[in-house]
Amino acid sequence: EDGARAEITGCADRLKRLTGSIGTWFRPSRAPTASPLVQRLARAAGYPHVLSYDVDSLDHTRPGAPAVTRKILAEVRGGSLVSLHFGYPDTVTALPDVLEELDRRGLHAVTTTELLS
């Protein structure tokens, strides 16, 4: 517990120092769901919202843009939270096709605030 607390509060402190805010949303890294312990520690660190994702694009494994597109579109549903990562060219390349197909299905990408409010 102490290690998890130190990691969460250390990150919150760093964000506050660099940006002036810790943000509103906390999502644990490398985990599709936040354990009760992580939820409790994140809230104690000042995060009002702890969220999880239900679609892992696996973009960080660099499978190629077509694989990222297929993975997302096979699993996404209305209300899905999709895990995507900065700095991966496959993600950037896949997004136009993903967004076009979501639109065709009558689904639209929105911010987390829009989705959960």
PDB file of N, CA and C in Angstrom:
ATOM      1  N   GLU A   1       0.823  -1.206   0.000  1.00  0.00           N
ATOM      2  CA  GLU A   1       0.000   0.000   0.000  1.00  0.00           C
ATOM      3  C   GLU A   1       0.861   1.262   0.000  1.00  0.00           C
ATOM      4  N   ASP A   2       1.943   1.244   0.772  1.00  0.00           N
ATOM      5  CA  ASP A   2       2.799   2.432   0.852  1.00  0.00           C
ATOM      6  C   ASP A   2       3.415   2.773  -0.500  1.00  0.00           C
ATOM      7  N   GLY A   3       3.828   1.753  -1.247  1.00  0.00           N
ATOM      8  CA  GLY A   3       4.408   1.989  -2.568  1.00  0.00           C
ATOM      9  C   GLY A   3       3.409   2.598  -3.528  1.00  0.00           C
ATOM     10  N   ALA A   4       2.183   2.072  -3.514  1.00  0.00           N
ATOM     11  CA  ALA A   4       1.130   2.600  -4.390  1.00  0.00           C
ATOM     12  C   ALA A   4       0.789   4.033  -3.998  1.00  0.00           C
ATOM     13  N   ARG A   5       0.697   4.282  -2.693  1.00  0.00           N
ATOM     14  CA  ARG A   5       0.397   5.640  -2.217  1.00  0.00           C
ATOM     15  C   ARG A   5       1.490   6.613  -2.670  1.00  0.00           C
ATOM     16  N   ALA A   6       2.742   6.212  -2.508  1.00  0.00           N
ATOM     17  CA  ALA A   6       3.856   7.080  -2.894  1.00  0.00           C
ATOM     18  C   ALA A   6       3.836   7.365  -4.396  1.00  0.00           C
ATOM     19  N   GLU A   7       3.522   6.359  -5.197  1.00  0.00           N
ATOM     20  CA  GLU A   7       3.478   6.564  -6.648  1.00  0.00           C
ATOM     21  C   GLU A   7       2.351   7.514  -7.041  1.00  0.00           C
ATOM     22  N   ILE A   8       1.173   7.316  -6.470  1.00  0.00           N
ATOM     23  CA  ILE A   8       0.013   8.147  -6.818  1.00  0.00           C
ATOM     24  C   ILE A   8       0.192   9.576  -6.321  1.00  0.00           C
ATOM     25  N   THR A   9       0.584   9.735  -5.067  1.00  0.00           N
ATOM     26  CA  THR A   9       0.746  11.098  -4.542  1.00  0.00           C
ATOM     27  C   THR A   9       1.952  11.789  -5.177  1.00  0.00           C
ATOM     28  N   GLY A  10       3.008  11.034  -5.471  1.00  0.00           N
ATOM     29  CA  GLY A  10       4.170  11.620  -6.138  1.00  0.00           C
ATOM     30  C   GLY A  10       3.809  12.163  -7.509  1.00  0.00           C
ATOM     31  N   CYS A  11       3.009  11.404  -8.241  1.00  0.00           N
ATOM     32  CA  CYS A  11       2.557  11.857  -9.562  1.00  0.00           C
ATOM     33  C   CYS A  11       1.660  13.085  -9.426  1.00  0.00           C
ATOM     34  N   ALA A  12       0.740  13.047  -8.468  1.00  0.00           N
ATOM     35  CA  ALA A  12      -0.156  14.192  -8.258  1.00  0.00           C
ATOM     36  C   ALA A  12       0.652  15.438  -7.898  1.00  0.00           C
ATOM     37  N   ASP A  13       1.630  15.278  -7.017  1.00  0.00           N
ATOM     38  CA  ASP A  13       2.475  16.414  -6.625  1.00  0.00           C
ATOM     39  C   ASP A  13       3.243  16.972  -7.822  1.00  0.00           C
ATOM     40  N   ARG A  14       3.779  16.083  -8.648  1.00  0.00           N
ATOM     41  CA  ARG A  14       4.543  16.508  -9.830  1.00  0.00           C
ATOM     42  C   ARG A  14       3.643  17.259 -10.809  1.00  0.00           C
ATOM     43  N   LEU A  15       2.450  16.720 -11.054  1.00  0.00           N
ATOM     44  CA  LEU A  15       1.505  17.398 -11.952  1.00  0.00           C
ATOM     45  C   LEU A  15       1.138  18.778 -11.417  1.00  0.00           C
ATOM     46  N   LYS A  16       0.874  18.855 -10.126  1.00  0.00           N
ATOM     47  CA  LYS A  16       0.505  20.132  -9.509  1.00  0.00           C
ATOM     48  C   LYS A  16       1.641  21.144  -9.665  1.00  0.00           C
ATOM     49  N   ARG A  17       2.854  20.693  -9.431  1.00  0.00           N
ATOM     50  CA  ARG A  17       4.019  21.579  -9.538  1.00  0.00           C
ATOM     51  C   ARG A  17       4.230  22.052 -10.981  1.00  0.00           C
ATOM     52  N   LEU A  18       4.038  21.165 -11.944  1.00  0.00           N
ATOM     53  CA  LEU A  18       4.309  21.497 -13.345  1.00  0.00           C
ATOM     54  C   LEU A  18       3.171  22.235 -14.044  1.00  0.00           C
ATOM     55  N   THR A  19       1.921  21.927 -13.657  1.00  0.00           N
ATOM     56  CA  THR A  19       0.776  22.487 -14.386  1.00  0.00           C
ATOM     57  C   THR A  19      -0.148  23.336 -13.530  1.00  0.00           C
ATOM     58  N   GLY A  20       0.019  23.266 -12.216  1.00  0.00           N
ATOM     59  CA  GLY A  20      -0.871  23.997 -11.333  1.00  0.00           C
ATOM     60  C   GLY A  20      -2.100  23.204 -10.920  1.00  0.00           C
ATOM     61  N   SER A  21      -2.244  21.987 -11.435  1.00  0.00           N
ATOM     62  CA  SER A  21      -3.415  21.160 -11.130  1.00  0.00           C
ATOM     63  C   SER A  21      -3.039  19.683 -11.239  1.00  0.00           C
ATOM     64  N   ILE A  22      -3.680  18.855 -10.439  1.00  0.00           N
ATOM     65  CA  ILE A  22      -3.460  17.413 -10.592  1.00  0.00           C
ATOM     66  C   ILE A  22      -4.405  16.828 -11.634  1.00  0.00           C
ATOM     67  N   GLY A  23      -5.377  17.620 -12.061  1.00  0.00           N
ATOM     68  CA  GLY A  23      -6.365  17.126 -13.009  1.00  0.00           C
ATOM     69  C   GLY A  23      -7.589  16.599 -12.281  1.00  0.00           C
ATOM     70  N   THR A  24      -8.540  16.158 -13.042  1.00  0.00           N
ATOM     71  CA  THR A  24      -9.809  15.673 -12.500  1.00  0.00           C
ATOM     72  C   THR A  24      -9.904  14.160 -12.536  1.00  0.00           C
ATOM     73  N   TRP A  25      -9.278  13.564 -13.539  1.00  0.00           N
ATOM     74  CA  TRP A  25      -9.436  12.129 -13.795  1.00  0.00           C
ATOM     75  C   TRP A  25      -8.160  11.381 -13.468  1.00  0.00           C
ATOM     76  N   PHE A  26      -8.312  10.240 -12.800  1.00  0.00           N
ATOM     77  CA  PHE A  26      -7.182   9.356 -12.541  1.00  0.00           C
ATOM     78  C   PHE A  26      -7.482   8.008 -13.166  1.00  0.00           C
ATOM     79  N   ARG A  27      -6.530   7.510 -13.964  1.00  0.00           N
ATOM     80  CA  ARG A  27      -6.637   6.155 -14.501  1.00  0.00           C
ATOM     81  C   ARG A  27      -5.320   5.455 -14.232  1.00  0.00           C
ATOM     82  N   PRO A  28      -5.380   4.309 -13.563  1.00  0.00           N
ATOM     83  CA  PRO A  28      -4.132   3.611 -13.269  1.00  0.00           C
ATOM     84  C   PRO A  28      -3.466   3.114 -14.544  1.00  0.00           C
ATOM     85  N   SER A  29      -2.159   3.150 -14.541  1.00  0.00           N
ATOM     86  CA  SER A  29      -1.391   2.676 -15.683  1.00  0.00           C
ATOM     87  C   SER A  29      -1.334   1.153 -15.688  1.00  0.00           C
ATOM     88  N   ARG A  30      -1.334   0.579 -16.880  1.00  0.00           N
ATOM     89  CA  ARG A  30      -1.180  -0.861 -17.069  1.00  0.00           C
ATOM     90  C   ARG A  30      -2.269  -1.687 -16.391  1.00  0.00           C
ATOM     91  N   ALA A  31      -3.447  -1.131 -16.222  1.00  0.00           N
ATOM     92  CA  ALA A  31      -4.541  -1.880 -15.601  1.00  0.00           C
ATOM     93  C   ALA A  31      -5.874  -1.395 -16.158  1.00  0.00           C
ATOM     94  N   PRO A  32      -6.674  -2.304 -16.696  1.00  0.00           N
ATOM     95  CA  PRO A  32      -7.968  -1.869 -17.230  1.00  0.00           C
ATOM     96  C   PRO A  32      -8.942  -1.413 -16.150  1.00  0.00           C
ATOM     97  N   THR A  33      -8.776  -1.902 -14.927  1.00  0.00           N
ATOM     98  CA  THR A  33      -9.656  -1.470 -13.841  1.00  0.00           C
ATOM     99  C   THR A  33      -8.820  -1.069 -12.630  1.00  0.00           C
ATOM    100  N   ALA A  34      -9.332  -0.120 -11.899  1.00  0.00           N
ATOM    101  CA  ALA A  34      -8.667   0.325 -10.677  1.00  0.00           C
ATOM    102  C   ALA A  34      -9.155  -0.530  -9.515  1.00  0.00           C
ATOM    103  N   SER A  35      -8.234  -1.102  -8.783  1.00  0.00           N
ATOM    104  CA  SER A  35      -8.605  -1.901  -7.613  1.00  0.00           C
ATOM    105  C   SER A  35      -9.214  -0.977  -6.557  1.00  0.00           C
ATOM    106  N   PRO A  36      -9.946  -1.538  -5.601  1.00  0.00           N
ATOM    107  CA  PRO A  36     -10.479  -0.694  -4.521  1.00  0.00           C
ATOM    108  C   PRO A  36      -9.378   0.088  -3.799  1.00  0.00           C
ATOM    109  N   LEU A  37      -8.210  -0.528  -3.619  1.00  0.00           N
ATOM    110  CA  LEU A  37      -7.098   0.172  -2.976  1.00  0.00           C
ATOM    111  C   LEU A  37      -6.667   1.374  -3.808  1.00  0.00           C
ATOM    112  N   VAL A  38      -6.482   1.186  -5.093  1.00  0.00           N
ATOM    113  CA  VAL A  38      -6.061   2.282  -5.970  1.00  0.00           C
ATOM    114  C   VAL A  38      -7.133   3.368  -6.002  1.00  0.00           C
ATOM    115  N   GLN A  39      -8.393   2.985  -6.060  1.00  0.00           N
ATOM    116  CA  GLN A  39      -9.471   3.982  -6.032  1.00  0.00           C
ATOM    117  C   GLN A  39      -9.398   4.813  -4.759  1.00  0.00           C
ATOM    118  N   ARG A  40      -9.229   4.156  -3.621  1.00  0.00           N
ATOM    119  CA  ARG A  40      -9.169   4.862  -2.338  1.00  0.00           C
ATOM    120  C   ARG A  40      -7.957   5.796  -2.287  1.00  0.00           C
ATOM    121  N   LEU A  41      -6.804   5.301  -2.712  1.00  0.00           N
ATOM    122  CA  LEU A  41      -5.590   6.122  -2.668  1.00  0.00           C
ATOM    123  C   LEU A  41      -5.662   7.303  -3.629  1.00  0.00           C
ATOM    124  N   ALA A  42      -6.219   7.093  -4.803  1.00  0.00           N
ATOM    125  CA  ALA A  42      -6.350   8.186  -5.774  1.00  0.00           C
ATOM    126  C   ALA A  42      -7.289   9.263  -5.245  1.00  0.00           C
ATOM    127  N   ARG A  43      -8.377   8.854  -4.655  1.00  0.00           N
ATOM    128  CA  ARG A  43      -9.305   9.846  -4.088  1.00  0.00           C
ATOM    129  C   ARG A  43      -8.643  10.594  -2.929  1.00  0.00           C
ATOM    130  N   ALA A  44      -7.895   9.871  -2.106  1.00  0.00           N
ATOM    131  CA  ALA A  44      -7.190  10.514  -0.993  1.00  0.00           C
ATOM    132  C   ALA A  44      -6.145  11.509  -1.503  1.00  0.00           C
ATOM    133  N   ALA A  45      -5.588  11.255  -2.682  1.00  0.00           N
ATOM    134  CA  ALA A  45      -4.599  12.167  -3.276  1.00  0.00           C
ATOM    135  C   ALA A  45      -5.255  13.389  -3.903  1.00  0.00           C
ATOM    136  N   GLY A  46      -6.592  13.398  -3.978  1.00  0.00           N
ATOM    137  CA  GLY A  46      -7.297  14.563  -4.496  1.00  0.00           C
ATOM    138  C   GLY A  46      -7.991  14.385  -5.825  1.00  0.00           C
ATOM    139  N   TYR A  47      -7.960  13.183  -6.379  1.00  0.00           N
ATOM    140  CA  TYR A  47      -8.649  12.941  -7.653  1.00  0.00           C
ATOM    141  C   TYR A  47     -10.124  12.658  -7.385  1.00  0.00           C
ATOM    142  N   PRO A  48     -11.020  13.490  -7.896  1.00  0.00           N
ATOM    143  CA  PRO A  48     -12.444  13.255  -7.659  1.00  0.00           C
ATOM    144  C   PRO A  48     -13.000  12.074  -8.450  1.00  0.00           C
ATOM    145  N   HIS A  49     -12.337  11.720  -9.547  1.00  0.00           N
ATOM    146  CA  HIS A  49     -12.846  10.644 -10.402  1.00  0.00           C
ATOM    147  C   HIS A  49     -11.740   9.644 -10.714  1.00  0.00           C
ATOM    148  N   VAL A  50     -12.051   8.375 -10.545  1.00  0.00           N
ATOM    149  CA  VAL A  50     -11.142   7.291 -10.910  1.00  0.00           C
ATOM    150  C   VAL A  50     -11.853   6.484 -11.975  1.00  0.00           C
ATOM    151  N   LEU A  51     -11.194   6.289 -13.107  1.00  0.00           N
ATOM    152  CA  LEU A  51     -11.875   5.586 -14.191  1.00  0.00           C
ATOM    153  C   LEU A  51     -11.058   4.430 -14.718  1.00  0.00           C
ATOM    154  N   SER A  52     -11.726   3.602 -15.469  1.00  0.00           N
ATOM    155  CA  SER A  52     -11.129   2.432 -16.094  1.00  0.00           C
ATOM    156  C   SER A  52     -11.471   2.466 -17.575  1.00  0.00           C
ATOM    157  N   TYR A  53     -10.940   1.523 -18.327  1.00  0.00           N
ATOM    158  CA  TYR A  53     -11.286   1.428 -19.740  1.00  0.00           C
ATOM    159  C   TYR A  53     -11.784   0.024 -20.040  1.00  0.00           C
ATOM    160  N   ASP A  54     -12.588  -0.089 -21.086  1.00  0.00           N
ATOM    161  CA  ASP A  54     -13.098  -1.408 -21.456  1.00  0.00           C
ATOM    162  C   ASP A  54     -12.588  -1.880 -22.811  1.00  0.00           C
ATOM    163  N   VAL A  55     -11.900  -1.019 -23.543  1.00  0.00           N
ATOM    164  CA  VAL A  55     -11.309  -1.408 -24.828  1.00  0.00           C
ATOM    165  C   VAL A  55      -9.827  -1.038 -24.795  1.00  0.00           C
ATOM    166  N   ASP A  56      -8.973  -2.051 -24.863  1.00  0.00           N
ATOM    167  CA  ASP A  56      -7.532  -1.826 -24.930  1.00  0.00           C
ATOM    168  C   ASP A  56      -7.106  -1.965 -26.382  1.00  0.00           C
ATOM    169  N   SER A  57      -6.689  -0.876 -26.974  1.00  0.00           N
ATOM    170  CA  SER A  57      -6.304  -0.881 -28.388  1.00  0.00           C
ATOM    171  C   SER A  57      -5.017  -1.664 -28.642  1.00  0.00           C
ATOM    172  N   LEU A  58      -4.243  -1.888 -27.601  1.00  0.00           N
ATOM    173  CA  LEU A  58      -2.923  -2.528 -27.702  1.00  0.00           C
ATOM    174  C   LEU A  58      -1.978  -1.771 -28.633  1.00  0.00           C
ATOM    175  N   ASP A  59      -2.262  -0.477 -28.827  1.00  0.00           N
ATOM    176  CA  ASP A  59      -1.416   0.329 -29.709  1.00  0.00           C
ATOM    177  C   ASP A  59       0.026   0.401 -29.224  1.00  0.00           C
ATOM    178  N   HIS A  60       0.223   0.313 -27.920  1.00  0.00           N
ATOM    179  CA  HIS A  60       1.573   0.390 -27.356  1.00  0.00           C
ATOM    180  C   HIS A  60       2.437  -0.815 -27.729  1.00  0.00           C
ATOM    181  N   THR A  61       1.825  -1.875 -28.254  1.00  0.00           N
ATOM    182  CA  THR A  61       2.600  -3.044 -28.693  1.00  0.00           C
ATOM    183  C   THR A  61       3.066  -2.905 -30.139  1.00  0.00           C
ATOM    184  N   ARG A  62       2.689  -1.806 -30.769  1.00  0.00           N
ATOM    185  CA  ARG A  62       3.078  -1.499 -32.159  1.00  0.00           C
ATOM    186  C   ARG A  62       2.675  -2.593 -33.150  1.00  0.00           C
ATOM    187  N   PRO A  63       1.385  -2.969 -33.150  1.00  0.00           N
ATOM    188  CA  PRO A  63       0.949  -4.053 -34.037  1.00  0.00           C
ATOM    189  C   PRO A  63       0.676  -3.615 -35.471  1.00  0.00           C
ATOM    190  N   GLY A  64       0.738  -2.314 -35.732  1.00  0.00           N
ATOM    191  CA  GLY A  64       0.372  -1.764 -37.033  1.00  0.00           C
ATOM    192  C   GLY A  64      -1.009  -1.140 -36.956  1.00  0.00           C
ATOM    193  N   ALA A  65      -1.209  -0.084 -37.719  1.00  0.00           N
ATOM    194  CA  ALA A  65      -2.479   0.654 -37.685  1.00  0.00           C
ATOM    195  C   ALA A  65      -3.685  -0.222 -38.015  1.00  0.00           C
ATOM    196  N   PRO A  66      -3.621  -1.119 -39.010  1.00  0.00           N
ATOM    197  CA  PRO A  66      -4.792  -1.956 -39.293  1.00  0.00           C
ATOM    198  C   PRO A  66      -5.195  -2.827 -38.097  1.00  0.00           C
ATOM    199  N   ALA A  67      -4.219  -3.341 -37.358  1.00  0.00           N
ATOM    200  CA  ALA A  67      -4.527  -4.166 -36.185  1.00  0.00           C
ATOM    201  C   ALA A  67      -5.152  -3.324 -35.076  1.00  0.00           C
ATOM    202  N   VAL A  68      -4.651  -2.112 -34.880  1.00  0.00           N
ATOM    203  CA  VAL A  68      -5.237  -1.211 -33.882  1.00  0.00           C
ATOM    204  C   VAL A  68      -6.685  -0.920 -34.252  1.00  0.00           C
ATOM    205  N   THR A  69      -6.927  -0.609 -35.504  1.00  0.00           N
ATOM    206  CA  THR A  69      -8.284  -0.325 -35.982  1.00  0.00           C
ATOM    207  C   THR A  69      -9.197  -1.520 -35.752  1.00  0.00           C
ATOM    208  N   ARG A  70      -8.763  -2.706 -36.153  1.00  0.00           N
ATOM    209  CA  ARG A  70      -9.585  -3.920 -35.989  1.00  0.00           C
ATOM    210  C   ARG A  70      -9.901  -4.187 -34.525  1.00  0.00           C
ATOM    211  N   LYS A  71      -8.901  -4.052 -33.661  1.00  0.00           N
ATOM    212  CA  LYS A  71      -9.084  -4.332 -32.232  1.00  0.00           C
ATOM    213  C   LYS A  71     -10.113  -3.394 -31.630  1.00  0.00           C
ATOM    214  N   ILE A  72      -9.985  -2.116 -31.912  1.00  0.00           N
ATOM    215  CA  ILE A  72     -10.931  -1.142 -31.361  1.00  0.00           C
ATOM    216  C   ILE A  72     -12.333  -1.413 -31.883  1.00  0.00           C
ATOM    217  N   LEU A  73     -12.475  -1.540 -33.186  1.00  0.00           N
ATOM    218  CA  LEU A  73     -13.806  -1.673 -33.782  1.00  0.00           C
ATOM    219  C   LEU A  73     -14.477  -2.990 -33.428  1.00  0.00           C
ATOM    220  N   ALA A  74     -13.710  -4.013 -33.104  1.00  0.00           N
ATOM    221  CA  ALA A  74     -14.299  -5.291 -32.694  1.00  0.00           C
ATOM    222  C   ALA A  74     -14.895  -5.214 -31.295  1.00  0.00           C
ATOM    223  N   GLU A  75     -14.400  -4.301 -30.467  1.00  0.00           N
ATOM    224  CA  GLU A  75     -14.804  -4.278 -29.061  1.00  0.00           C
ATOM    225  C   GLU A  75     -15.599  -3.048 -28.632  1.00  0.00           C
ATOM    226  N   VAL A  76     -15.500  -1.968 -29.376  1.00  0.00           N
ATOM    227  CA  VAL A  76     -16.119  -0.719 -28.936  1.00  0.00           C
ATOM    228  C   VAL A  76     -17.641  -0.804 -28.989  1.00  0.00           C
ATOM    229  N   ARG A  77     -18.268  -0.206 -27.999  1.00  0.00           N
ATOM    230  CA  ARG A  77     -19.727  -0.107 -27.889  1.00  0.00           C
ATOM    231  C   ARG A  77     -20.058   1.310 -27.416  1.00  0.00           C
ATOM    232  N   GLY A  78     -21.307   1.672 -27.460  1.00  0.00           N
ATOM    233  CA  GLY A  78     -21.706   2.960 -26.912  1.00  0.00           C
ATOM    234  C   GLY A  78     -21.295   3.041 -25.451  1.00  0.00           C
ATOM    235  N   GLY A  79     -20.618   4.101 -25.070  1.00  0.00           N
ATOM    236  CA  GLY A  79     -20.170   4.277 -23.694  1.00  0.00           C
ATOM    237  C   GLY A  79     -18.797   3.704 -23.402  1.00  0.00           C
ATOM    238  N   SER A  80     -18.159   3.102 -24.400  1.00  0.00           N
ATOM    239  CA  SER A  80     -16.825   2.528 -24.183  1.00  0.00           C
ATOM    240  C   SER A  80     -15.790   3.603 -23.883  1.00  0.00           C
ATOM    241  N   LEU A  81     -14.833   3.233 -23.061  1.00  0.00           N
ATOM    242  CA  LEU A  81     -13.623   4.020 -22.861  1.00  0.00           C
ATOM    243  C   LEU A  81     -12.495   3.233 -23.514  1.00  0.00           C
ATOM    244  N   VAL A  82     -11.833   3.850 -24.480  1.00  0.00           N
ATOM    245  CA  VAL A  82     -10.790   3.190 -25.259  1.00  0.00           C
ATOM    246  C   VAL A  82      -9.427   3.684 -24.791  1.00  0.00           C
ATOM    247  N   SER A  83      -8.533   2.761 -24.486  1.00  0.00           N
ATOM    248  CA  SER A  83      -7.176   3.114 -24.082  1.00  0.00           C
ATOM    249  C   SER A  83      -6.313   3.314 -25.323  1.00  0.00           C
ATOM    250  N   LEU A  84      -5.839   4.548 -25.501  1.00  0.00           N
ATOM    251  CA  LEU A  84      -4.926   4.916 -26.588  1.00  0.00           C
ATOM    252  C   LEU A  84      -3.731   5.631 -25.969  1.00  0.00           C
ATOM    253  N   HIS A  85      -2.607   5.610 -26.649  1.00  0.00           N
ATOM    254  CA  HIS A  85      -1.383   6.172 -26.095  1.00  0.00           C
ATOM    255  C   HIS A  85      -0.770   7.219 -27.014  1.00  0.00           C
ATOM    256  N   PHE A  86      -0.182   8.251 -26.404  1.00  0.00           N
ATOM    257  CA  PHE A  86       0.566   9.268 -27.140  1.00  0.00           C
ATOM    258  C   PHE A  86       1.868   8.664 -27.651  1.00  0.00           C
ATOM    259  N   GLY A  87       2.349   9.186 -28.756  1.00  0.00           N
ATOM    260  CA  GLY A  87       3.674   8.832 -29.221  1.00  0.00           C
ATOM    261  C   GLY A  87       3.774   7.562 -30.044  1.00  0.00           C
ATOM    262  N   TYR A  88       2.646   7.011 -30.460  1.00  0.00           N
ATOM    263  CA  TYR A  88       2.672   5.797 -31.273  1.00  0.00           C
ATOM    264  C   TYR A  88       2.075   6.097 -32.644  1.00  0.00           C
ATOM    265  N   PRO A  89       2.872   6.012 -33.698  1.00  0.00           N
ATOM    266  CA  PRO A  89       2.380   6.334 -35.043  1.00  0.00           C
ATOM    267  C   PRO A  89       1.178   5.487 -35.462  1.00  0.00           C
ATOM    268  N   ASP A  90       1.121   4.225 -35.027  1.00  0.00           N
ATOM    269  CA  ASP A  90      -0.019   3.370 -35.386  1.00  0.00           C
ATOM    270  C   ASP A  90      -1.336   3.974 -34.897  1.00  0.00           C
ATOM    271  N   THR A  91      -1.287   4.597 -33.726  1.00  0.00           N
ATOM    272  CA  THR A  91      -2.487   5.210 -33.152  1.00  0.00           C
ATOM    273  C   THR A  91      -2.964   6.357 -34.034  1.00  0.00           C
ATOM    274  N   VAL A  92      -2.039   7.220 -34.392  1.00  0.00           N
ATOM    275  CA  VAL A  92      -2.373   8.379 -35.227  1.00  0.00           C
ATOM    276  C   VAL A  92      -2.913   7.928 -36.579  1.00  0.00           C
ATOM    277  N   THR A  93      -2.298   6.925 -37.165  1.00  0.00           N
ATOM    278  CA  THR A  93      -2.723   6.427 -38.475  1.00  0.00           C
ATOM    279  C   THR A  93      -4.089   5.751 -38.400  1.00  0.00           C
ATOM    280  N   ALA A  94      -4.364   5.047 -37.304  1.00  0.00           N
ATOM    281  CA  ALA A  94      -5.627   4.312 -37.158  1.00  0.00           C
ATOM    282  C   ALA A  94      -6.819   5.225 -36.880  1.00  0.00           C
ATOM    283  N   LEU A  95      -6.601   6.339 -36.226  1.00  0.00           N
ATOM    284  CA  LEU A  95      -7.720   7.171 -35.758  1.00  0.00           C
ATOM    285  C   LEU A  95      -8.708   7.606 -36.835  1.00  0.00           C
ATOM    286  N   PRO A  96      -8.288   8.081 -37.994  1.00  0.00           N
ATOM    287  CA  PRO A  96      -9.292   8.482 -38.989  1.00  0.00           C
ATOM    288  C   PRO A  96     -10.240   7.343 -39.371  1.00  0.00           C
ATOM    289  N   ASP A  97      -9.712   6.140 -39.572  1.00  0.00           N
ATOM    290  CA  ASP A  97     -10.573   5.003 -39.923  1.00  0.00           C
ATOM    291  C   ASP A  97     -11.489   4.621 -38.765  1.00  0.00           C
ATOM    292  N   VAL A  98     -10.957   4.654 -37.548  1.00  0.00           N
ATOM    293  CA  VAL A  98     -11.772   4.336 -36.369  1.00  0.00           C
ATOM    294  C   VAL A  98     -12.907   5.341 -36.237  1.00  0.00           C
ATOM    295  N   LEU A  99     -12.594   6.621 -36.319  1.00  0.00           N
ATOM    296  CA  LEU A  99     -13.620   7.655 -36.160  1.00  0.00           C
ATOM    297  C   LEU A  99     -14.659   7.599 -37.274  1.00  0.00           C
ATOM    298  N   GLU A 100     -14.224   7.317 -38.484  1.00  0.00           N
ATOM    299  CA  GLU A 100     -15.167   7.200 -39.604  1.00  0.00           C
ATOM    300  C   GLU A 100     -16.138   6.036 -39.381  1.00  0.00           C
ATOM    301  N   GLU A 101     -15.621   4.903 -38.937  1.00  0.00           N
ATOM    302  CA  GLU A 101     -16.489   3.746 -38.694  1.00  0.00           C
ATOM    303  C   GLU A 101     -17.405   3.981 -37.500  1.00  0.00           C
ATOM    304  N   LEU A 102     -16.908   4.622 -36.462  1.00  0.00           N
ATOM    305  CA  LEU A 102     -17.771   4.947 -35.323  1.00  0.00           C
ATOM    306  C   LEU A 102     -18.918   5.839 -35.771  1.00  0.00           C
ATOM    307  N   ASP A 103     -18.617   6.823 -36.590  1.00  0.00           N
ATOM    308  CA  ASP A 103     -19.653   7.711 -37.111  1.00  0.00           C
ATOM    309  C   ASP A 103     -20.674   6.919 -37.928  1.00  0.00           C
ATOM    310  N   ARG A 104     -20.193   6.001 -38.746  1.00  0.00           N
ATOM    311  CA  ARG A 104     -21.093   5.174 -39.550  1.00  0.00           C
ATOM    312  C   ARG A 104     -22.032   4.360 -38.653  1.00  0.00           C
ATOM    313  N   ARG A 105     -21.537   3.950 -37.494  1.00  0.00           N
ATOM    314  CA  ARG A 105     -22.337   3.175 -36.536  1.00  0.00           C
ATOM    315  C   ARG A 105     -23.224   4.061 -35.659  1.00  0.00           C
ATOM    316  N   GLY A 106     -23.111   5.359 -35.829  1.00  0.00           N
ATOM    317  CA  GLY A 106     -23.894   6.272 -35.002  1.00  0.00           C
ATOM    318  C   GLY A 106     -23.262   6.546 -33.648  1.00  0.00           C
ATOM    319  N   LEU A 107     -21.982   6.241 -33.514  1.00  0.00           N
ATOM    320  CA  LEU A 107     -21.247   6.503 -32.278  1.00  0.00           C
ATOM    321  C   LEU A 107     -20.300   7.671 -32.516  1.00  0.00           C
ATOM    322  N   HIS A 108     -20.011   8.414 -31.465  1.00  0.00           N
ATOM    323  CA  HIS A 108     -19.162   9.591 -31.610  1.00  0.00           C
ATOM    324  C   HIS A 108     -18.172   9.656 -30.457  1.00  0.00           C
ATOM    325  N   ALA A 109     -16.949  10.021 -30.758  1.00  0.00           N
ATOM    326  CA  ALA A 109     -15.946  10.228 -29.723  1.00  0.00           C
ATOM    327  C   ALA A 109     -16.289  11.502 -28.958  1.00  0.00           C
ATOM    328  N   VAL A 110     -16.239  11.420 -27.648  1.00  0.00           N
ATOM    329  CA  VAL A 110     -16.507  12.571 -26.785  1.00  0.00           C
ATOM    330  C   VAL A 110     -15.459  12.598 -25.680  1.00  0.00           C
ATOM    331  N   THR A 111     -15.401  13.698 -24.964  1.00  0.00           N
ATOM    332  CA  THR A 111     -14.492  13.782 -23.826  1.00  0.00           C
ATOM    333  C   THR A 111     -15.015  12.909 -22.693  1.00  0.00           C
ATOM    334  N   THR A 112     -14.125  12.595 -21.779  1.00  0.00           N
ATOM    335  CA  THR A 112     -14.526  11.813 -20.609  1.00  0.00           C
ATOM    336  C   THR A 112     -15.601  12.549 -19.821  1.00  0.00           C
ATOM    337  N   THR A 113     -15.452  13.848 -19.686  1.00  0.00           N
ATOM    338  CA  THR A 113     -16.450  14.639 -18.960  1.00  0.00           C
ATOM    339  C   THR A 113     -17.819  14.524 -19.619  1.00  0.00           C
ATOM    340  N   GLU A 114     -17.860  14.623 -20.945  1.00  0.00           N
ATOM    341  CA  GLU A 114     -19.143  14.493 -21.652  1.00  0.00           C
ATOM    342  C   GLU A 114     -19.739  13.099 -21.466  1.00  0.00           C
ATOM    343  N   LEU A 115     -18.909  12.089 -21.549  1.00  0.00           N
ATOM    344  CA  LEU A 115     -19.394  10.713 -21.448  1.00  0.00           C
ATOM    345  C   LEU A 115     -19.962  10.405 -20.070  1.00  0.00           C
ATOM    346  N   LEU A 116     -19.292  10.860 -19.037  1.00  0.00           N
ATOM    347  CA  LEU A 116     -19.649  10.448 -17.682  1.00  0.00           C
ATOM    348  C   LEU A 116     -20.475  11.463 -16.907  1.00  0.00           C
ATOM    349  N   SER A 117     -20.914  12.536 -17.580  1.00  0.00           N
ATOM    350  CA  SER A 117     -21.747  13.502 -16.844  1.00  0.00           C
ATOM    351  C   SER A 117     -23.199  13.366 -17.229  1.00  0.00           C
TER     352      SER A 117
END
